[in-house]
């Protein structure tokens, strides 16, 4: 699943959802190598560093294709 997340300052980021439950989600941001985890607290998604995000959009994985740099190709769907 492809996500567009929005930070409290209005910045948006593209992410690929790896796992999600009712109170936990793990994702990787476009262009980054590490995964990020968020936990739902009082109906808000909060990162381990206290960063709050909102899910602005969820798109089916087949709707995206991302090509990374350095020969690494990431794709969804197909």
Protein backbone atom coordinates (compact mmCIF):
# COMPACT_ATOMS: atom_id res chain seq x y z
CA UNK A 1 0.00 0.00 0.00
CA UNK A 2 1.30 3.44 -0.94
CA UNK A 3 0.73 6.19 1.65
CA UNK A 4 0.98 9.93 1.55
CA UNK A 5 1.67 11.10 5.08
CA UNK A 6 1.45 14.65 6.35
CA UNK A 7 3.56 16.04 9.18
CA UNK A 8 2.34 18.69 11.64
CA UNK A 9 4.22 21.41 9.75
CA UNK A 10 2.31 20.58 6.54
CA UNK A 11 5.15 18.72 4.80
CA UNK A 12 4.05 15.64 2.87
CA UNK A 13 5.99 12.45 2.19
CA UNK A 14 5.44 9.34 0.06
CA UNK A 15 5.80 6.04 1.87
CA UNK A 16 5.37 2.34 1.27
CA UNK A 17 3.37 0.61 4.00
CA UNK A 18 5.09 -2.58 5.16
CA UNK A 19 2.82 -3.69 8.03
CA UNK A 20 -0.18 -2.25 9.80
CA UNK A 21 -2.46 -3.18 12.67
CA UNK A 22 -5.08 -1.08 14.43
CA UNK A 23 -2.41 0.55 16.65
CA UNK A 24 0.89 0.13 14.81
CA UNK A 25 2.30 0.76 11.35
CA UNK A 26 5.72 0.26 9.85
CA UNK A 27 6.69 2.00 6.65
CA UNK A 28 9.59 3.15 4.54
CA UNK A 29 9.76 6.68 3.18
CA UNK A 30 10.55 7.18 -0.50
CA UNK A 31 14.29 7.68 -0.95
CA UNK A 32 15.22 6.45 2.53
CA UNK A 33 16.83 3.14 3.52
CA UNK A 34 15.46 2.71 7.05
CA UNK A 35 11.98 1.83 8.19
CA UNK A 36 9.90 4.02 10.49
CA UNK A 37 7.34 2.86 13.04
CA UNK A 38 4.31 4.76 14.29
CA UNK A 39 1.93 3.85 17.09
CA UNK A 40 -1.64 5.06 17.47
CA UNK A 41 -2.09 7.07 20.67
CA UNK A 42 -5.46 8.74 21.29
CA UNK A 43 -6.34 8.40 17.58
CA UNK A 44 -3.07 10.01 16.44
CA UNK A 45 -0.08 8.36 14.79
CA UNK A 46 3.08 9.08 16.81
CA UNK A 47 6.66 8.06 15.97
CA UNK A 48 9.24 6.89 18.48
CA UNK A 49 10.74 10.40 18.39
CA UNK A 50 7.37 12.02 19.18
CA UNK A 51 6.68 13.11 15.59
CA UNK A 52 2.97 13.13 14.76
CA UNK A 53 1.75 12.30 11.27
CA UNK A 54 -1.59 11.95 9.57
CA UNK A 55 -2.41 9.59 6.74
CA UNK A 56 -3.48 11.87 3.94
CA UNK A 57 -4.02 9.20 1.29
CA UNK A 58 -3.80 5.43 0.83
CA UNK A 59 -3.40 4.07 -2.68
CA UNK A 60 -3.29 0.45 -3.85
CA UNK A 61 0.25 -0.79 -4.36
CA UNK A 62 -0.47 -1.54 -8.02
CA UNK A 63 -0.97 2.18 -8.61
CA UNK A 64 2.68 3.10 -8.04
CA UNK A 65 6.10 2.35 -9.37
CA UNK A 66 9.21 3.89 -7.86
CA UNK A 67 12.71 3.60 -9.23
CA UNK A 68 15.54 4.13 -6.76
CA UNK A 69 19.07 5.35 -7.39
CA UNK A 70 22.23 3.30 -7.62
CA UNK A 71 20.72 0.46 -9.61
CA UNK A 72 18.16 -0.48 -6.94
CA UNK A 73 14.67 -0.72 -8.38
CA UNK A 74 11.61 -0.75 -6.17
CA UNK A 75 8.24 -1.54 -7.68
CA UNK A 76 4.78 -2.43 -6.50
CA UNK A 77 2.06 -4.25 -8.34
CA UNK A 78 2.78 -5.57 -11.65
